[in-house]
Structures are given as C-alpha cells and as structure tokens.
C-alpha cells in the first residue's frame, strides 16, 4: 500500500487499520467517510504513530480519539 498518495482507498485502509489496532468497539464511530483528503497528512501521521506502538494508555487512547474527531469533516 503506497500511503504517500492521497486517495479515498488509502483513507479507508488507514482508518480500518487504526480501528483494528485500537480495538475500537463502536465501529460506527469511526468511518472512512468521515474524513476527506484535506486532512490526509494529519491522518497519515496518526496512522504511523499508532502502527509503531504495541500498547496505549487510557490517556493516549483518549488523545487519539480526540485528534481523529478533530479531523472529521464538518
């Protein structure tokens, strides 16, 4: 997967991988359709951070969810 290119498919891929890694229970809370390509770089930064770590504290999880929320389309 070439994440250097902005695309809907890459957004979908990253969101699904983020959800898997964070074990998101409410799958409807985070959907690829909530994000657009304007925030692609920020989303990719979050994706890369999440993929590097094995465990997350409660505070880290909360911060990630808040950051993802700030990237959602209005």
N, C-alpha and C. Protein backbone atom coordinates (compact mmCIF):
# COMPACT_ATOMS: atom_id res chain seq x y z
N UNK A 1 0.86 -1.18 0.00
CA UNK A 1 0.00 0.00 0.00
C UNK A 1 0.90 1.24 0.00
N UNK A 2 0.73 2.10 -0.98
CA UNK A 2 1.52 3.33 -1.08
C UNK A 2 0.74 4.47 -0.44
N UNK A 3 1.04 4.75 0.81
CA UNK A 3 0.30 5.77 1.54
C UNK A 3 0.81 7.18 1.26
N UNK A 4 1.80 7.30 0.38
CA UNK A 4 2.29 8.64 0.04
C UNK A 4 1.32 9.35 -0.90
N UNK A 5 0.40 8.62 -1.49
CA UNK A 5 -0.59 9.20 -2.41
C UNK A 5 -1.92 9.39 -1.72
N UNK A 6 -2.47 10.59 -1.85
CA UNK A 6 -3.79 10.87 -1.28
C UNK A 6 -4.84 10.17 -2.12
N UNK A 7 -5.64 9.35 -1.46
CA UNK A 7 -6.74 8.69 -2.16
C UNK A 7 -7.78 8.23 -1.15
N UNK A 8 -8.97 8.05 -1.64
CA UNK A 8 -10.06 7.54 -0.80
C UNK A 8 -9.71 6.15 -0.30
N UNK A 9 -9.11 5.34 -1.17
CA UNK A 9 -8.75 3.98 -0.78
C UNK A 9 -7.73 3.98 0.35
N UNK A 10 -6.77 4.89 0.30
CA UNK A 10 -5.77 4.96 1.36
C UNK A 10 -6.38 5.44 2.68
N UNK A 11 -7.32 6.37 2.60
CA UNK A 11 -8.02 6.83 3.81
C UNK A 11 -8.76 5.64 4.42
N UNK A 12 -9.47 4.89 3.59
CA UNK A 12 -10.21 3.73 4.08
C UNK A 12 -9.27 2.71 4.71
N UNK A 13 -8.15 2.46 4.06
CA UNK A 13 -7.17 1.50 4.57
C UNK A 13 -6.66 1.93 5.94
N UNK A 14 -6.24 3.19 6.06
CA UNK A 14 -5.68 3.68 7.33
C UNK A 14 -6.70 3.64 8.44
N UNK A 15 -7.94 4.04 8.16
CA UNK A 15 -8.98 4.04 9.19
C UNK A 15 -9.25 2.61 9.66
N UNK A 16 -9.33 1.68 8.73
CA UNK A 16 -9.58 0.29 9.12
C UNK A 16 -8.43 -0.27 9.96
N UNK A 17 -7.21 0.05 9.60
CA UNK A 17 -6.05 -0.42 10.37
C UNK A 17 -6.01 0.23 11.75
N UNK A 18 -6.36 1.51 11.83
CA UNK A 18 -6.42 2.20 13.12
C UNK A 18 -7.46 1.54 14.01
N UNK A 19 -8.63 1.28 13.45
CA UNK A 19 -9.70 0.64 14.22
C UNK A 19 -9.27 -0.74 14.72
N UNK A 20 -8.61 -1.50 13.87
CA UNK A 20 -8.13 -2.83 14.26
C UNK A 20 -7.11 -2.73 15.38
N UNK A 21 -6.15 -1.85 15.22
CA UNK A 21 -5.06 -1.73 16.20
C UNK A 21 -5.56 -1.24 17.55
N UNK A 22 -6.51 -0.33 17.53
CA UNK A 22 -7.03 0.23 18.78
C UNK A 22 -8.17 -0.59 19.35
N UNK A 23 -8.58 -1.64 18.65
CA UNK A 23 -9.70 -2.47 19.09
C UNK A 23 -10.95 -1.63 19.34
N UNK A 24 -11.30 -0.81 18.38
CA UNK A 24 -12.47 0.06 18.51
C UNK A 24 -13.72 -0.81 18.57
N UNK A 25 -14.47 -0.67 19.66
CA UNK A 25 -15.67 -1.47 19.84
C UNK A 25 -16.85 -0.91 19.06
N UNK A 26 -16.99 0.39 19.03
CA UNK A 26 -18.09 1.02 18.31
C UNK A 26 -17.60 1.35 16.90
N UNK A 27 -17.69 0.37 16.00
CA UNK A 27 -17.16 0.52 14.66
C UNK A 27 -17.82 1.66 13.88
N UNK A 28 -19.05 1.98 14.22
CA UNK A 28 -19.74 3.06 13.53
C UNK A 28 -19.24 4.44 13.92
N UNK A 29 -18.48 4.51 15.00
CA UNK A 29 -17.98 5.80 15.47
C UNK A 29 -16.89 6.36 14.58
N UNK A 30 -16.15 5.49 13.94
CA UNK A 30 -15.07 5.91 13.05
C UNK A 30 -15.30 5.27 11.69
N UNK A 31 -15.63 6.09 10.72
CA UNK A 31 -15.87 5.60 9.37
C UNK A 31 -14.97 6.36 8.40
N UNK A 32 -14.48 5.68 7.38
CA UNK A 32 -13.66 6.37 6.39
C UNK A 32 -14.38 7.56 5.75
N UNK A 33 -15.69 7.48 5.64
CA UNK A 33 -16.45 8.57 5.01
C UNK A 33 -16.45 9.84 5.86
N UNK A 34 -16.02 9.75 7.12
CA UNK A 34 -15.95 10.92 7.99
C UNK A 34 -14.74 11.80 7.68
N UNK A 35 -13.84 11.30 6.84
CA UNK A 35 -12.59 12.00 6.58
C UNK A 35 -12.47 12.32 5.10
N UNK A 36 -11.81 13.43 4.81
CA UNK A 36 -11.57 13.75 3.41
C UNK A 36 -10.07 13.94 3.19
N UNK A 37 -9.70 14.14 1.95
CA UNK A 37 -8.30 14.21 1.59
C UNK A 37 -7.61 15.48 2.10
N UNK A 38 -8.35 16.48 2.51
CA UNK A 38 -7.73 17.70 3.03
C UNK A 38 -6.93 17.41 4.30
N UNK A 39 -7.36 16.45 5.06
CA UNK A 39 -6.70 16.10 6.31
C UNK A 39 -5.84 14.85 6.17
N UNK A 40 -5.49 14.51 4.94
CA UNK A 40 -4.77 13.26 4.67
C UNK A 40 -3.45 13.17 5.42
N UNK A 41 -2.65 14.21 5.37
CA UNK A 41 -1.33 14.17 6.01
C UNK A 41 -1.46 13.98 7.52
N UNK A 42 -2.41 14.66 8.13
CA UNK A 42 -2.62 14.52 9.57
C UNK A 42 -3.07 13.11 9.92
N UNK A 43 -3.97 12.57 9.11
CA UNK A 43 -4.45 11.20 9.33
C UNK A 43 -3.30 10.21 9.18
N UNK A 44 -2.46 10.42 8.19
CA UNK A 44 -1.32 9.53 7.98
C UNK A 44 -0.34 9.60 9.16
N UNK A 45 -0.14 10.79 9.70
CA UNK A 45 0.73 10.93 10.87
C UNK A 45 0.18 10.12 12.05
N UNK A 46 -1.11 10.21 12.28
CA UNK A 46 -1.74 9.45 13.37
C UNK A 46 -1.61 7.95 13.09
N UNK A 47 -1.88 7.55 11.87
CA UNK A 47 -1.77 6.15 11.47
C UNK A 47 -0.37 5.63 11.76
N UNK A 48 0.65 6.37 11.34
CA UNK A 48 2.04 5.93 11.52
C UNK A 48 2.39 5.82 13.00
N UNK A 49 1.94 6.76 13.80
CA UNK A 49 2.18 6.72 15.24
C UNK A 49 1.56 5.47 15.85
N UNK A 50 0.32 5.20 15.50
CA UNK A 50 -0.41 4.05 16.05
C UNK A 50 0.24 2.74 15.64
N UNK A 51 0.68 2.65 14.40
CA UNK A 51 1.27 1.40 13.92
C UNK A 51 2.63 1.11 14.58
N UNK A 52 3.30 2.12 15.08
CA UNK A 52 4.61 1.93 15.72
C UNK A 52 4.51 1.38 17.14
N UNK A 53 3.37 1.61 17.79
CA UNK A 53 3.23 1.24 19.20
C UNK A 53 2.47 -0.07 19.36
N UNK A 54 2.79 -0.78 20.42
CA UNK A 54 2.09 -2.02 20.73
C UNK A 54 0.96 -1.82 21.73
N UNK A 55 1.16 -0.90 22.67
CA UNK A 55 0.18 -0.66 23.72
C UNK A 55 -0.10 0.83 23.85
N UNK A 56 -1.30 1.13 24.34
CA UNK A 56 -1.70 2.51 24.52
C UNK A 56 -2.32 2.68 25.90
N UNK A 57 -1.94 3.76 26.57
CA UNK A 57 -2.55 4.06 27.85
C UNK A 57 -3.95 4.63 27.60
N UNK A 58 -4.74 4.71 28.64
CA UNK A 58 -6.08 5.29 28.51
C UNK A 58 -5.98 6.73 28.03
N UNK A 59 -5.02 7.47 28.57
CA UNK A 59 -4.84 8.87 28.15
C UNK A 59 -4.44 8.97 26.69
N UNK A 60 -3.58 8.06 26.23
CA UNK A 60 -3.19 8.06 24.82
C UNK A 60 -4.38 7.75 23.93
N UNK A 61 -5.17 6.77 24.33
CA UNK A 61 -6.36 6.41 23.55
C UNK A 61 -7.31 7.59 23.45
N UNK A 62 -7.52 8.27 24.56
CA UNK A 62 -8.41 9.42 24.57
C UNK A 62 -7.88 10.51 23.65
N UNK A 63 -6.58 10.77 23.71
CA UNK A 63 -5.98 11.79 22.86
C UNK A 63 -6.10 11.43 21.38
N UNK A 64 -5.91 10.16 21.05
CA UNK A 64 -6.03 9.72 19.66
C UNK A 64 -7.45 9.90 19.16
N UNK A 65 -8.41 9.47 19.97
CA UNK A 65 -9.82 9.61 19.58
C UNK A 65 -10.19 11.08 19.41
N UNK A 66 -9.72 11.93 20.30
CA UNK A 66 -10.00 13.36 20.18
C UNK A 66 -9.37 13.93 18.91
N UNK A 67 -8.15 13.53 18.62
CA UNK A 67 -7.47 14.01 17.42
C UNK A 67 -8.20 13.54 16.16
N UNK A 68 -8.61 12.30 16.14
CA UNK A 68 -9.38 11.79 14.99
C UNK A 68 -10.69 12.57 14.86
N UNK A 69 -11.31 12.87 15.98
CA UNK A 69 -12.55 13.66 15.96
C UNK A 69 -12.33 15.04 15.38
N UNK A 70 -11.18 15.63 15.65
CA UNK A 70 -10.91 16.98 15.13
C UNK A 70 -10.65 16.95 13.62
N UNK A 71 -10.32 15.79 13.08
CA UNK A 71 -10.05 15.67 11.64
C UNK A 71 -11.30 15.36 10.82
N UNK A 72 -12.38 15.02 11.51
CA UNK A 72 -13.61 14.68 10.79
C UNK A 72 -14.14 15.87 10.00
N UNK A 73 -14.81 15.54 8.91
CA UNK A 73 -15.49 16.57 8.12
C UNK A 73 -16.53 17.25 8.97
N UNK A 74 -16.72 18.51 8.69
CA UNK A 74 -17.73 19.27 9.44
C UNK A 74 -19.13 18.92 8.99
